Amino acid sequence: MKGLIIYVKENNFNAVKQVLFDNQVDAITYFDVMGQGHLEREAKERIVQGYKTGEKYTPEFVRRTRVETIVIDDSKASAIVEALKAHADIHGRVFVYDVPDSQTL
């Protein structure tokens, strides 16, 4: 079994979800997170007491979506990663790790 952790921009979530569903992954978990890393951050205009200042700044932390899933077939995990890479609208990072065991409660 393989586990996938996918970090993408918030507006890429639907594209990631569609790629997973197209690959018969029907169980996912997602989180809205804040982070800092190698993904690009957009400059924002500073607003003070409701007034736009015209001053631009780059926020230290930005919103991202973290998507997690477990894939039973290792070859399917590779196919999913390739499909995510090939999709033009998805920008982020995917982590693949081994899941040695799983138990149903």
C-alpha atoms as a PDB file:
ATOM      1  CA  MET A   1       0.000   0.000   0.000  1.00  0.00           C
ATOM      2  CA  LYS A   2       1.073   3.555  -0.643  1.00  0.00           C
ATOM      3  CA  GLY A   3       0.005   6.755   1.038  1.00  0.00           C
ATOM      4  CA  LEU A   4      -0.188  10.048  -0.831  1.00  0.00           C
ATOM      5  CA  ILE A   5       0.019  13.495   0.738  1.00  0.00           C
ATOM      6  CA  ILE A   6      -0.609  16.263  -1.778  1.00  0.00           C
ATOM      7  CA  TYR A   7      -0.106  19.989  -1.089  1.00  0.00           C
ATOM      8  CA  VAL A   8      -1.690  22.362  -3.619  1.00  0.00           C
ATOM      9  CA  LYS A   9      -3.049  25.879  -3.885  1.00  0.00           C
ATOM     10  CA  GLU A  10      -6.638  26.183  -2.641  1.00  0.00           C
ATOM     11  CA  ASN A  11      -8.018  26.697  -6.135  1.00  0.00           C
ATOM     12  CA  ASN A  12      -6.363  23.434  -7.357  1.00  0.00           C
ATOM     13  CA  PHE A  13      -8.356  21.213  -4.976  1.00  0.00           C
ATOM     14  CA  ASN A  14     -11.156  20.359  -7.431  1.00  0.00           C
ATOM     15  CA  ALA A  15      -8.645  19.352 -10.117  1.00  0.00           C
ATOM     16  CA  VAL A  16      -6.801  17.091  -7.647  1.00  0.00           C
ATOM     17  CA  LYS A  17     -10.074  15.575  -6.491  1.00  0.00           C
ATOM     18  CA  GLN A  18     -11.073  14.868 -10.103  1.00  0.00           C
ATOM     19  CA  VAL A  19      -7.741  13.158 -10.870  1.00  0.00           C
ATOM     20  CA  LEU A  20      -8.161  10.963  -7.777  1.00  0.00           C
ATOM     21  CA  PHE A  21     -11.757  10.063  -8.664  1.00  0.00           C
ATOM     22  CA  ASP A  22     -10.734   9.323 -12.285  1.00  0.00           C
ATOM     23  CA  ASN A  23      -8.246   6.804 -10.824  1.00  0.00           C
ATOM     24  CA  GLN A  24     -10.958   5.115  -8.704  1.00  0.00           C
ATOM     25  CA  VAL A  25      -9.798   6.645  -5.411  1.00  0.00           C
ATOM     26  CA  ASP A  26     -13.000   7.172  -3.480  1.00  0.00           C
ATOM     27  CA  ALA A  27     -11.648   7.891   0.011  1.00  0.00           C
ATOM     28  CA  ILE A  28      -9.771  11.143   0.584  1.00  0.00           C
ATOM     29  CA  THR A  29      -9.196  13.516   3.457  1.00  0.00           C
ATOM     30  CA  TYR A  30      -8.365  17.168   3.003  1.00  0.00           C
ATOM     31  CA  PHE A  31      -7.308  20.013   5.268  1.00  0.00           C
ATOM     32  CA  ASP A  32      -7.033  23.762   4.801  1.00  0.00           C
ATOM     33  CA  VAL A  33      -3.555  24.621   6.061  1.00  0.00           C
ATOM     34  CA  MET A  34      -1.192  27.577   6.274  1.00  0.00           C
ATOM     35  CA  GLY A  35       2.427  27.098   5.371  1.00  0.00           C
ATOM     36  CA  GLN A  36       5.694  28.375   4.058  1.00  0.00           C
ATOM     37  CA  GLY A  37       7.809  26.620   1.476  1.00  0.00           C
ATOM     38  CA  HIS A  38       8.797  26.429  -2.159  1.00  0.00           C
ATOM     39  CA  LEU A  39       5.385  27.107  -3.690  1.00  0.00           C
ATOM     40  CA  GLU A  40       5.040  30.615  -5.021  1.00  0.00           C
ATOM     41  CA  ARG A  41       3.421  33.298  -2.900  1.00  0.00           C
ATOM     42  CA  GLU A  42       1.508  36.162  -4.465  1.00  0.00           C
ATOM     43  CA  ALA A  43       2.088  39.748  -3.343  1.00  0.00           C
ATOM     44  CA  LYS A  44      -0.943  41.323  -1.659  1.00  0.00           C
ATOM     45  CA  GLU A  45      -1.946  44.899  -1.073  1.00  0.00           C
ATOM     46  CA  ARG A  46      -1.721  46.077   2.519  1.00  0.00           C
ATOM     47  CA  ILE A  47      -5.009  47.384   3.933  1.00  0.00           C
ATOM     48  CA  VAL A  48      -5.001  49.553   7.071  1.00  0.00           C
ATOM     49  CA  GLN A  49      -8.275  50.281   8.883  1.00  0.00           C
ATOM     50  CA  GLY A  50     -10.322  49.551   5.757  1.00  0.00           C
ATOM     51  CA  TYR A  51      -8.228  51.760   3.443  1.00  0.00           C
ATOM     52  CA  LYS A  52      -6.054  50.406   0.657  1.00  0.00           C
ATOM     53  CA  THR A  53      -2.526  51.739   1.029  1.00  0.00           C
ATOM     54  CA  GLY A  54      -1.169  50.764  -2.398  1.00  0.00           C
ATOM     55  CA  GLU A  55       1.730  49.116  -0.592  1.00  0.00           C
ATOM     56  CA  LYS A  56       2.466  45.519  -1.652  1.00  0.00           C
ATOM     57  CA  TYR A  57       3.867  42.793   0.580  1.00  0.00           C
ATOM     58  CA  THR A  58       4.431  39.061   0.346  1.00  0.00           C
ATOM     59  CA  PRO A  59       2.792  37.154   3.206  1.00  0.00           C
ATOM     60  CA  GLU A  60       5.057  34.906   5.254  1.00  0.00           C
ATOM     61  CA  PHE A  61       2.511  32.059   5.323  1.00  0.00           C
ATOM     62  CA  VAL A  62      -0.063  31.234   2.659  1.00  0.00           C
ATOM     63  CA  ARG A  63      -3.150  29.059   2.440  1.00  0.00           C
ATOM     64  CA  ARG A  64      -2.792  25.626   0.889  1.00  0.00           C
ATOM     65  CA  THR A  65      -4.899  22.479   0.748  1.00  0.00           C
ATOM     66  CA  ARG A  66      -3.472  19.184   2.010  1.00  0.00           C
ATOM     67  CA  VAL A  67      -5.080  16.082   0.471  1.00  0.00           C
ATOM     68  CA  GLU A  68      -4.383  12.609   1.881  1.00  0.00           C
ATOM     69  CA  THR A  69      -5.327   9.192   0.583  1.00  0.00           C
ATOM     70  CA  ILE A  70      -4.196   5.571   0.772  1.00  0.00           C
ATOM     71  CA  VAL A  71      -3.887   3.542  -2.429  1.00  0.00           C
ATOM     72  CA  ILE A  72      -3.901  -0.256  -2.189  1.00  0.00           C
ATOM     73  CA  ASP A  73      -2.095  -0.939  -5.480  1.00  0.00           C
ATOM     74  CA  ASP A  74       1.451   0.479  -5.713  1.00  0.00           C
ATOM     75  CA  SER A  75       1.256   0.808  -9.519  1.00  0.00           C
ATOM     76  CA  LYS A  76      -1.944   2.837  -9.162  1.00  0.00           C
ATOM     77  CA  ALA A  77      -0.077   5.263  -6.892  1.00  0.00           C
ATOM     78  CA  SER A  78       2.495   5.816  -9.642  1.00  0.00           C
ATOM     79  CA  ALA A  79      -0.275   6.379 -12.194  1.00  0.00           C
ATOM     80  CA  ILE A  80      -1.921   8.943  -9.917  1.00  0.00           C
ATOM     81  CA  VAL A  81       1.349  10.837  -9.420  1.00  0.00           C
ATOM     82  CA  GLU A  82       1.921  10.925 -13.194  1.00  0.00           C
ATOM     83  CA  ALA A  83      -1.660  12.126 -13.788  1.00  0.00           C
ATOM     84  CA  LEU A  84      -1.186  14.905 -11.213  1.00  0.00           C
ATOM     85  CA  LYS A  85       2.084  15.968 -12.850  1.00  0.00           C
ATOM     86  CA  ALA A  86       0.495  15.967 -16.318  1.00  0.00           C
ATOM     87  CA  HIS A  87      -2.466  18.140 -15.284  1.00  0.00           C
ATOM     88  CA  ALA A  88      -1.787  21.737 -16.337  1.00  0.00           C
ATOM     89  CA  ASP A  89      -3.856  23.337 -13.552  1.00  0.00           C
ATOM     90  CA  ILE A  90      -2.251  21.538 -10.595  1.00  0.00           C
ATOM     91  CA  HIS A  91       0.763  23.158  -8.933  1.00  0.00           C
ATOM     92  CA  GLY A  92       2.136  21.780  -5.692  1.00  0.00           C
ATOM     93  CA  ARG A  93       3.974  18.854  -4.208  1.00  0.00           C
ATOM     94  CA  VAL A  94       3.112  15.185  -3.660  1.00  0.00           C
ATOM     95  CA  PHE A  95       4.694  12.898  -1.070  1.00  0.00           C
ATOM     96  CA  VAL A  96       4.477   9.126  -1.512  1.00  0.00           C
ATOM     97  CA  TYR A  97       5.166   6.792   1.411  1.00  0.00           C
ATOM     98  CA  ASP A  98       4.770   3.110   2.266  1.00  0.00           C
ATOM     99  CA  VAL A  99       1.884   2.014   4.474  1.00  0.00           C
ATOM    100  CA  PRO A 100       2.926  -1.323   5.984  1.00  0.00           C
ATOM    101  CA  ASP A 101      -0.411  -2.207   7.608  1.00  0.00           C
ATOM    102  CA  SER A 102      -3.974  -1.032   8.013  1.00  0.00           C
ATOM    103  CA  GLN A 103      -6.712  -2.271  10.328  1.00  0.00           C
ATOM    104  CA  THR A 104     -10.445  -1.586  10.220  1.00  0.00           C
ATOM    105  CA  LEU A 105     -11.921  -0.528  13.548  1.00  0.00           C
END
